[in-house]
């Protein structure tokens, strides 16, 4: 009898197929060879016909060398931590790609000598926050606060309101981070109320600095009180303000969200923030403030371990000094615009024979920003069975499930992604 295993094509022959050869260039030859060996074994075992080896290889290969996949965010959470928070602007993406080669990240081209690292990104930050005398960037918001605590308060005390000692996502606790730097926490006030005199009474020779923390993703309401930055800056101690969200200046929509410009103008010595939240940039930790304070942080040995690479610096500069970010574009949408988008999608789906409805809904900032603030939005509503199918589709679509329905909130979905969303819906229904 004829042995079908003799018909299994050899590795070199499969690699010569044009589409397989292109995949090897895109993904690397070793990854493609692994896929070929797997398909060959399936053919030998009788799982597929030998003539299907090439087809099986191509079907099993990813689209890119990276495992991360583009996901359509239809959750209504603008800065979804599980989806990488802020999507970068086209300008930032171009800057990131352009910086992938050799760059002048730490070179003064006028002299040919070593220059300040990321000078252009720092200059862009200072242009955006005139009340800051100096700027420094590390790899995330927690790192920014850790560097400040280490450089300014290692072996000393950080005075902070008890109600601002928060725990955020994935069990991350701010007190644990600060204690890990070798600083001691001096908590003042009660969970819901703190007064200026509480801070003043805690100050002493061991005080490293006073810390004021944005409460991130929770709100205490009712019988509460806190001390504003303008009053804390009058104390006889350095003041560090962690705003979290990354807004560089006051925002017309998120009027209660803290920004970097305001506390610096009120006398804060240092502000720390995240770059990948409301700023709409890459993951980074921003440190803005007095020149002597920032210089002290920059020269600390820990700063070397926390520094960002050229890609982050390029994307950050393009974000701060470039065009409107996708995050800001979403925040500027009107409820009417969003509802019109939802109605257009439902009309297209109806034309394809799929029943869907559109309705107003509420979105959220996410990422610890603007806790409790509801953002007017609109959504396309489908039966609940679509949620899991869309998540497993190509591209994956992440929706939310409410009262037995799959709700596709458009607040965080870019208008240019609407056609991909429609195709994804129709593909899973088929």
Protein backbone atom coordinates (compact mmCIF):
# COMPACT_ATOMS: atom_id res chain seq x y z
CA UNK A 1 0.00 0.00 0.00
CA UNK A 2 1.15 3.55 -0.72
CA UNK A 3 2.54 5.24 2.39
CA UNK A 4 0.98 8.73 2.59
CA UNK A 5 3.94 9.86 4.71
CA UNK A 6 6.11 9.87 1.61
CA UNK A 7 3.90 12.64 0.22
CA UNK A 8 4.62 14.99 3.16
CA UNK A 9 6.67 17.88 1.70
CA UNK A 10 10.12 18.52 3.12
CA UNK A 11 11.00 21.62 5.11
CA UNK A 12 13.06 23.27 2.35
CA UNK A 13 10.27 22.76 -0.15
CA UNK A 14 7.70 24.36 2.16
CA UNK A 15 10.05 27.29 2.85
CA UNK A 16 10.25 27.92 -0.91
CA UNK A 17 6.52 28.61 -1.11
CA UNK A 18 6.17 32.39 -1.67
CA UNK A 19 3.78 33.06 1.21
CA UNK A 20 5.82 30.96 3.61
CA UNK A 21 9.01 32.72 2.52
CA UNK A 22 7.41 36.11 3.22
CA UNK A 23 6.28 34.87 6.64
CA UNK A 24 9.86 33.84 7.42
CA UNK A 25 11.02 37.38 6.66
CA UNK A 26 8.26 38.84 8.84
CA UNK A 27 8.46 36.42 11.76
CA UNK A 28 11.89 34.86 11.62
CA UNK A 29 12.85 31.56 10.01
CA UNK A 30 13.01 29.54 13.22
CA UNK A 31 9.41 30.33 14.18
CA UNK A 32 8.24 29.37 10.69
CA UNK A 33 10.26 26.15 10.80
CA UNK A 34 8.55 25.20 14.05
CA UNK A 35 5.17 25.70 12.38
CA UNK A 36 6.32 23.57 9.42
CA UNK A 37 7.49 20.74 11.66
CA UNK A 38 4.17 20.80 13.52
CA UNK A 39 2.18 20.66 10.27
CA UNK A 40 4.40 17.88 8.90
CA UNK A 41 3.78 15.82 12.01
CA UNK A 42 0.04 16.34 11.69
CA UNK A 43 0.25 15.05 8.11
CA UNK A 44 2.29 12.00 9.16
CA UNK A 45 -0.25 11.22 11.89
CA UNK A 46 -3.12 11.50 9.42
CA UNK A 47 -4.65 14.63 10.98
CA UNK A 48 -4.36 16.50 7.69
CA UNK A 49 -3.60 15.57 4.11
CA UNK A 50 0.03 16.07 3.00
CA UNK A 51 -1.20 18.59 0.44
CA UNK A 52 -2.56 20.72 3.31
CA UNK A 53 0.81 21.30 5.01
CA UNK A 54 1.42 24.72 3.49
CA UNK A 55 -2.15 25.83 4.20
CA UNK A 56 -1.84 24.63 7.80
CA UNK A 57 1.46 26.40 8.30
CA UNK A 58 0.09 29.73 7.07
CA UNK A 59 -3.10 29.39 9.13
CA UNK A 60 -1.12 28.77 12.31
CA UNK A 61 1.30 31.67 12.01
CA UNK A 62 0.66 34.98 13.81
CA UNK A 63 0.36 38.22 11.90
CA UNK A 64 3.43 39.71 13.59
CA UNK A 65 6.47 38.66 15.59
CA UNK A 66 4.91 40.08 18.76
CA UNK A 67 2.23 38.21 20.68
CA UNK A 68 0.33 41.37 21.67
CA UNK A 69 -2.79 41.82 19.57
CA UNK A 70 -4.71 44.94 18.66
CA UNK A 71 -8.02 44.88 20.57
CA UNK A 72 -11.03 47.08 19.86
CA UNK A 73 -12.00 48.76 23.13
CA UNK A 74 -15.80 48.82 23.34
CA UNK A 75 -15.94 48.71 27.15
CA UNK A 76 -16.66 52.39 27.72
CA UNK A 77 -13.51 52.62 29.89
CA UNK A 78 -11.30 55.20 28.25
CA UNK A 79 -8.04 54.21 29.97
CA UNK A 80 -8.46 50.46 30.35
CA UNK A 81 -5.47 49.12 32.28
CA UNK A 82 -5.86 45.61 30.85
CA UNK A 83 -5.76 47.08 27.34
CA UNK A 84 -2.61 49.16 27.91
CA UNK A 85 -4.37 52.39 28.93
CA UNK A 86 -3.95 55.27 26.47
CA UNK A 87 -3.62 54.49 22.75
CA UNK A 88 -0.84 56.54 21.18
CA UNK A 89 -1.46 59.26 18.62
CA UNK A 90 -0.33 58.77 15.03
CA UNK A 91 2.39 61.35 15.67
CA UNK A 92 3.66 59.38 18.66
CA UNK A 93 3.61 56.13 16.70
CA UNK A 94 5.61 57.70 13.88
CA UNK A 95 8.08 59.15 16.36
CA UNK A 96 8.45 55.77 18.05
CA UNK A 97 9.14 54.00 14.76
CA UNK A 98 11.57 56.73 13.71
CA UNK A 99 13.50 56.35 16.95
CA UNK A 100 13.87 52.59 16.54
CA UNK A 101 17.19 53.05 14.78
CA UNK A 102 20.23 55.01 15.93
CA UNK A 103 19.28 58.42 17.34
CA UNK A 104 20.72 61.43 19.13
CA UNK A 105 19.04 60.39 22.40
CA UNK A 106 22.15 61.29 24.41
CA UNK A 107 24.25 63.20 21.89
CA UNK A 108 24.78 66.89 21.22
CA UNK A 109 25.05 66.99 17.43
CA UNK A 110 26.48 70.52 17.46
CA UNK A 111 29.57 69.42 19.38
CA UNK A 112 29.63 65.69 18.71
CA UNK A 113 29.90 65.15 22.46
CA UNK A 114 27.61 63.48 24.97
CA UNK A 115 24.51 65.55 25.65
CA UNK A 116 21.61 65.53 28.13
CA UNK A 117 19.40 62.46 27.70
CA UNK A 118 16.03 63.15 26.12
CA UNK A 119 16.53 66.92 26.10
CA UNK A 120 13.79 67.50 23.52
CA UNK A 121 11.18 65.59 25.54
CA UNK A 122 12.09 67.52 28.70
CA UNK A 123 11.84 70.80 26.79
CA UNK A 124 8.38 69.83 25.51
CA UNK A 125 7.23 69.12 29.06
CA UNK A 126 8.53 72.44 30.32
CA UNK A 127 6.84 74.29 27.46
CA UNK A 128 3.56 72.60 28.43
CA UNK A 129 4.00 73.28 32.17
CA UNK A 130 5.55 76.76 32.50
CA UNK A 131 5.29 76.65 36.31
CA UNK A 132 7.87 73.81 36.37
CA UNK A 133 11.54 74.77 36.48
CA UNK A 134 12.80 71.31 35.54
CA UNK A 135 11.53 67.90 34.42
CA UNK A 136 12.65 64.29 34.60
CA UNK A 137 11.07 61.10 33.25
CA UNK A 138 11.17 57.55 34.62
CA UNK A 139 9.45 54.36 33.53
CA UNK A 140 6.05 54.73 35.27
CA UNK A 141 4.13 56.71 37.85
CA UNK A 142 4.99 54.41 40.74
CA UNK A 143 8.67 54.72 39.84
CA UNK A 144 8.40 58.52 39.93
CA UNK A 145 7.07 58.42 43.48
CA UNK A 146 9.59 55.75 44.51
CA UNK A 147 12.47 57.88 43.22
CA UNK A 148 11.18 60.92 45.09
CA UNK A 149 10.79 58.95 48.32
CA UNK A 150 14.24 57.38 48.01
CA UNK A 151 16.09 60.56 47.15
CA UNK A 152 14.28 62.87 49.56
CA UNK A 153 13.20 60.71 52.50
CA UNK A 154 15.22 57.48 52.77
CA UNK A 155 15.67 56.87 56.48
CA UNK A 156 13.37 59.79 57.23
CA UNK A 157 9.62 60.41 57.48
CA UNK A 158 7.02 61.10 54.84
CA UNK A 159 4.04 62.96 56.30
CA UNK A 160 0.82 61.95 54.56
CA UNK A 161 -2.91 61.99 55.26
CA UNK A 162 -4.29 58.65 56.41
CA UNK A 163 -7.16 58.87 53.92
CA UNK A 164 -4.69 59.12 51.02
CA UNK A 165 -2.95 55.80 51.68
CA UNK A 166 -4.65 54.00 48.81
CA UNK A 167 -4.64 50.57 47.22
CA UNK A 168 -5.16 50.52 43.47
CA UNK A 169 -5.37 47.76 40.83
CA UNK A 170 -3.81 44.31 41.24
CA UNK A 171 -3.37 44.80 44.99
CA UNK A 172 -0.79 47.60 44.61
CA UNK A 173 -0.62 49.57 47.86
CA UNK A 174 0.96 52.98 48.07
CA UNK A 175 2.15 52.53 51.68
CA UNK A 176 4.05 49.38 50.68
CA UNK A 177 5.79 51.23 47.83
CA UNK A 178 6.86 54.10 50.06
CA UNK A 179 8.04 51.81 52.87
CA UNK A 180 10.12 49.79 50.39
CA UNK A 181 12.27 52.88 49.73
CA UNK A 182 13.48 52.97 53.33
CA UNK A 183 11.28 55.90 54.27
CA UNK A 184 8.97 55.87 57.30
CA UNK A 185 5.32 56.88 56.96
CA UNK A 186 3.89 59.40 59.38
CA UNK A 187 0.14 59.22 58.82
CA UNK A 188 -1.94 62.15 60.01
CA UNK A 189 -5.65 62.81 60.42
CA UNK A 190 -8.40 60.23 60.17
CA UNK A 191 -9.69 58.27 57.20
CA UNK A 192 -12.20 60.97 56.27
CA UNK A 193 -10.80 64.19 57.75
CA UNK A 194 -7.42 65.88 58.03
CA UNK A 195 -6.50 69.46 58.96
CA UNK A 196 -3.48 71.69 58.46
CA UNK A 197 -2.67 71.49 62.16
CA UNK A 198 -2.37 67.68 61.85
CA UNK A 199 0.42 68.14 59.32
CA UNK A 200 2.13 70.91 61.27
CA UNK A 201 2.17 68.84 64.46
CA UNK A 202 3.83 65.93 62.65
CA UNK A 203 6.76 67.93 61.27
CA UNK A 204 10.16 67.56 62.87
CA UNK A 205 13.87 67.05 62.23
CA UNK A 206 13.18 63.64 60.66
CA UNK A 207 10.67 64.95 58.10
CA UNK A 208 11.75 64.23 54.52
CA UNK A 209 8.72 65.77 52.85
CA UNK A 210 4.96 66.19 53.02
CA UNK A 211 3.08 64.10 50.47
CA UNK A 212 -0.34 64.82 49.02
CA UNK A 213 -1.85 61.99 46.96
CA UNK A 214 -4.74 62.03 44.50
CA UNK A 215 -7.09 59.32 45.83
CA UNK A 216 -7.12 57.57 42.43
CA UNK A 217 -10.09 55.28 41.84
CA UNK A 218 -12.21 55.92 44.93
CA UNK A 219 -14.15 58.78 46.50
CA UNK A 220 -14.87 59.53 50.14
CA UNK A 221 -18.04 61.59 50.50
CA UNK A 222 -20.02 63.06 53.34
CA UNK A 223 -18.28 64.35 56.49
CA UNK A 224 -14.84 64.96 54.97
CA UNK A 225 -12.08 67.53 54.87
CA UNK A 226 -8.66 67.77 53.28
CA UNK A 227 -5.95 70.42 53.13
CA UNK A 228 -5.35 72.17 49.79
CA UNK A 229 -1.89 72.41 48.26
CA UNK A 230 -1.75 76.18 48.72
CA UNK A 231 -1.90 75.70 52.51
CA UNK A 232 0.46 72.71 52.64
CA UNK A 233 3.09 74.62 50.68
CA UNK A 234 3.36 77.08 53.57
CA UNK A 235 4.65 74.40 55.93
CA UNK A 236 8.34 74.19 56.78
CA UNK A 237 8.95 71.07 54.67
CA UNK A 238 9.22 70.14 50.98
CA UNK A 239 5.86 69.30 49.39
CA UNK A 240 5.43 66.49 46.86
CA UNK A 241 2.07 66.15 45.08
CA UNK A 242 1.18 62.92 43.29
CA UNK A 243 -1.59 63.79 40.82
CA UNK A 244 -1.65 60.35 39.20
CA UNK A 245 -3.61 61.07 36.04
CA UNK A 246 -1.06 63.00 34.00
CA UNK A 247 -3.05 66.11 33.09
CA UNK A 248 -0.52 68.87 32.48
CA UNK A 249 -3.04 71.68 32.89
CA UNK A 250 -6.69 72.23 33.91
CA UNK A 251 -9.16 70.33 31.75
CA UNK A 252 -12.48 71.74 30.48
CA UNK A 253 -14.34 68.42 30.89
CA UNK A 254 -12.66 66.88 33.93
CA UNK A 255 -12.76 70.05 35.99
CA UNK A 256 -12.15 68.30 39.32
CA UNK A 257 -9.22 66.22 38.14
CA UNK A 258 -5.83 67.46 39.45
CA UNK A 259 -3.22 68.70 37.00
CA UNK A 260 0.50 69.45 37.17
CA UNK A 261 0.36 73.20 36.51
CA UNK A 262 -1.94 74.14 39.37
CA UNK A 263 -0.08 72.67 42.41
CA UNK A 264 3.27 73.92 41.13
CA UNK A 265 1.77 77.38 40.86
CA UNK A 266 0.53 77.00 44.44
CA UNK A 267 4.00 76.28 45.78
CA UNK A 268 4.52 72.51 45.50
CA UNK A 269 8.19 71.55 45.17
CA UNK A 270 7.54 68.47 43.04
CA UNK A 271 4.65 66.90 41.12
CA UNK A 272 4.61 63.26 40.03
CA UNK A 273 2.27 61.85 37.39
CA UNK A 274 1.76 59.12 34.81
CA UNK A 275 2.33 59.59 31.10
CA UNK A 276 -0.01 56.85 29.87
CA UNK A 277 -3.20 58.08 31.50
CA UNK A 278 -4.95 61.35 30.68
CA UNK A 279 -1.83 62.75 29.06
CA UNK A 280 -2.46 60.11 26.40
CA UNK A 281 1.16 59.10 25.95
CA UNK A 282 3.44 56.12 26.53
CA UNK A 283 3.93 54.51 29.92
CA UNK A 284 6.16 56.88 31.86
CA UNK A 285 6.49 58.60 35.20
CA UNK A 286 6.73 62.39 35.08
CA UNK A 287 8.57 64.46 37.69
CA UNK A 288 8.08 68.23 37.40
CA UNK A 289 9.11 70.91 39.83
CA UNK A 290 11.85 73.02 41.35
CA UNK A 291 15.20 72.84 39.60
CA UNK A 292 17.20 71.89 42.70
CA UNK A 293 14.71 69.16 43.67
CA UNK A 294 14.55 67.60 40.20
CA UNK A 295 18.35 67.77 39.87
CA UNK A 296 18.68 65.90 43.17
CA UNK A 297 16.41 63.16 41.87
CA UNK A 298 18.13 62.99 38.50
CA UNK A 299 21.55 62.50 40.12
CA UNK A 300 20.39 59.78 42.51
CA UNK A 301 21.76 56.29 41.64
CA UNK A 302 18.22 54.87 41.47
CA UNK A 303 17.41 57.21 38.59
CA UNK A 304 19.65 55.13 36.33
CA UNK A 305 17.67 51.98 37.07
CA UNK A 306 14.38 53.74 36.37
CA UNK A 307 15.26 55.66 33.22
CA UNK A 308 13.24 55.30 30.04
CA UNK A 309 14.51 54.26 26.62
CA UNK A 310 14.69 56.29 23.42
CA UNK A 311 11.33 54.93 22.18
CA UNK A 312 9.48 56.23 25.22
CA UNK A 313 11.22 59.60 25.01
CA UNK A 314 10.32 59.96 21.33
CA UNK A 315 6.67 59.01 21.88
CA UNK A 316 6.41 61.29 24.91
CA UNK A 317 7.82 64.29 23.06
CA UNK A 318 5.41 63.73 20.15
CA UNK A 319 2.51 63.38 22.60
CA UNK A 320 3.23 66.53 24.57
CA UNK A 321 4.20 68.74 21.65
CA UNK A 322 2.12 67.12 18.92
CA UNK A 323 -1.50 67.02 17.75
CA UNK A 324 -4.51 66.01 19.80
CA UNK A 325 -4.25 62.53 21.30
CA UNK A 326 -6.88 59.81 20.92
CA UNK A 327 -7.59 60.17 24.65
CA UNK A 328 -8.28 63.89 24.36
CA UNK A 329 -10.30 63.36 21.19
CA UNK A 330 -12.56 60.96 23.07
CA UNK A 331 -13.00 63.43 25.91
CA UNK A 332 -14.14 66.11 23.45
CA UNK A 333 -16.92 63.99 21.93
CA UNK A 334 -20.50 65.13 22.44
CA UNK A 335 -23.34 62.77 23.37
CA UNK A 336 -25.05 63.62 20.07
CA UNK A 337 -21.96 62.65 18.06
CA UNK A 338 -21.67 59.36 19.89
CA UNK A 339 -25.35 58.53 19.43
CA UNK A 340 -25.09 59.30 15.71
CA UNK A 341 -22.16 56.89 15.45
CA UNK A 342 -24.12 54.17 17.26
CA UNK A 343 -27.15 54.66 15.03
CA UNK A 344 -25.02 54.45 11.88
CA UNK A 345 -23.57 51.13 13.02
CA UNK A 346 -26.98 49.68 13.86
CA UNK A 347 -28.27 50.75 10.44
CA UNK A 348 -25.38 48.97 8.71
CA UNK A 349 -25.97 45.85 10.79
CA UNK A 350 -29.69 45.98 10.05
CA UNK A 351 -28.90 46.18 6.34
CA UNK A 352 -26.93 42.94 6.75
CA UNK A 353 -29.91 41.28 8.45
CA UNK A 354 -28.67 41.60 12.04
CA UNK A 355 -30.95 43.17 14.63
CA UNK A 356 -29.20 45.60 16.97
CA UNK A 357 -30.23 48.66 18.93
CA UNK A 358 -28.49 51.87 19.91
CA UNK A 359 -28.94 53.81 23.12
CA UNK A 360 -27.29 56.42 25.35
CA UNK A 361 -25.05 55.06 28.07
CA UNK A 362 -22.28 56.17 30.43
CA UNK A 363 -18.54 55.71 30.12
CA UNK A 364 -15.72 56.19 32.63
CA UNK A 365 -12.16 57.51 32.52
CA UNK A 366 -10.56 54.45 34.12
CA UNK A 367 -6.91 54.09 35.04
CA UNK A 368 -7.65 55.62 38.44
CA UNK A 369 -8.61 58.94 36.86
CA UNK A 370 -11.72 61.00 37.67
CA UNK A 371 -13.26 58.48 40.08
CA UNK A 372 -17.04 58.61 40.13
CA UNK A 373 -17.30 60.81 37.04
CA UNK A 374 -19.76 59.51 34.45
CA UNK A 375 -19.08 60.47 30.84
CA UNK A 376 -22.16 60.60 28.55
CA UNK A 377 -21.75 58.04 25.79
CA UNK A 378 -23.69 55.81 23.40
CA UNK A 379 -23.62 52.11 22.63
CA UNK A 380 -24.66 49.43 20.18
CA UNK A 381 -26.55 46.67 21.98
CA UNK A 382 -26.56 43.02 20.89
CA UNK A 383 -27.58 39.74 22.51
CA UNK A 384 -25.22 38.58 25.26
CA UNK A 385 -23.88 35.66 23.20
CA UNK A 386 -21.91 38.14 21.09
CA UNK A 387 -19.61 39.16 23.97
CA UNK A 388 -17.58 35.95 24.10
CA UNK A 389 -17.59 35.47 20.34
CA UNK A 390 -16.33 38.98 19.69
CA UNK A 391 -13.59 38.57 22.27
CA UNK A 392 -12.39 35.47 20.40
CA UNK A 393 -12.62 37.13 16.98
CA UNK A 394 -10.04 38.77 14.75
CA UNK A 395 -9.56 41.49 15.73
CA UNK A 396 -10.76 40.79 19.26
CA UNK A 397 -13.47 43.14 20.52
CA UNK A 398 -13.84 43.71 24.25
CA UNK A 399 -17.38 44.73 25.21
CA UNK A 400 -19.22 44.76 28.52
CA UNK A 401 -22.17 42.62 29.57
CA UNK A 402 -25.15 44.34 31.18
CA UNK A 403 -28.49 42.75 32.08
CA UNK A 404 -28.14 39.96 29.58
CA UNK A 405 -26.88 42.12 26.71
CA UNK A 406 -23.59 42.69 24.95
CA UNK A 407 -23.02 46.45 25.15
CA UNK A 408 -20.56 47.94 22.69
CA UNK A 409 -19.77 51.37 24.12
CA UNK A 410 -18.25 53.72 21.53
CA UNK A 411 -16.62 56.24 23.89
CA UNK A 412 -13.11 54.73 23.72
CA UNK A 413 -13.46 53.34 20.19
CA UNK A 414 -11.83 55.47 17.51
CA UNK A 415 -14.18 56.42 14.65
CA UNK A 416 -11.72 54.90 12.18
CA UNK A 417 -12.19 51.54 13.93
CA UNK A 418 -15.96 51.45 13.35
CA UNK A 419 -15.73 49.51 10.09
CA UNK A 420 -13.49 46.91 11.78
CA UNK A 421 -16.08 46.63 14.54
CA UNK A 422 -18.87 46.06 12.02
CA UNK A 423 -16.86 43.41 10.19
CA UNK A 424 -16.05 41.69 13.49
CA UNK A 425 -19.73 41.58 14.45
CA UNK A 426 -20.82 40.21 11.10
CA UNK A 427 -17.99 37.66 11.09
CA UNK A 428 -18.95 36.11 14.43
CA UNK A 429 -22.65 36.05 13.49
CA UNK A 430 -21.85 34.09 10.36
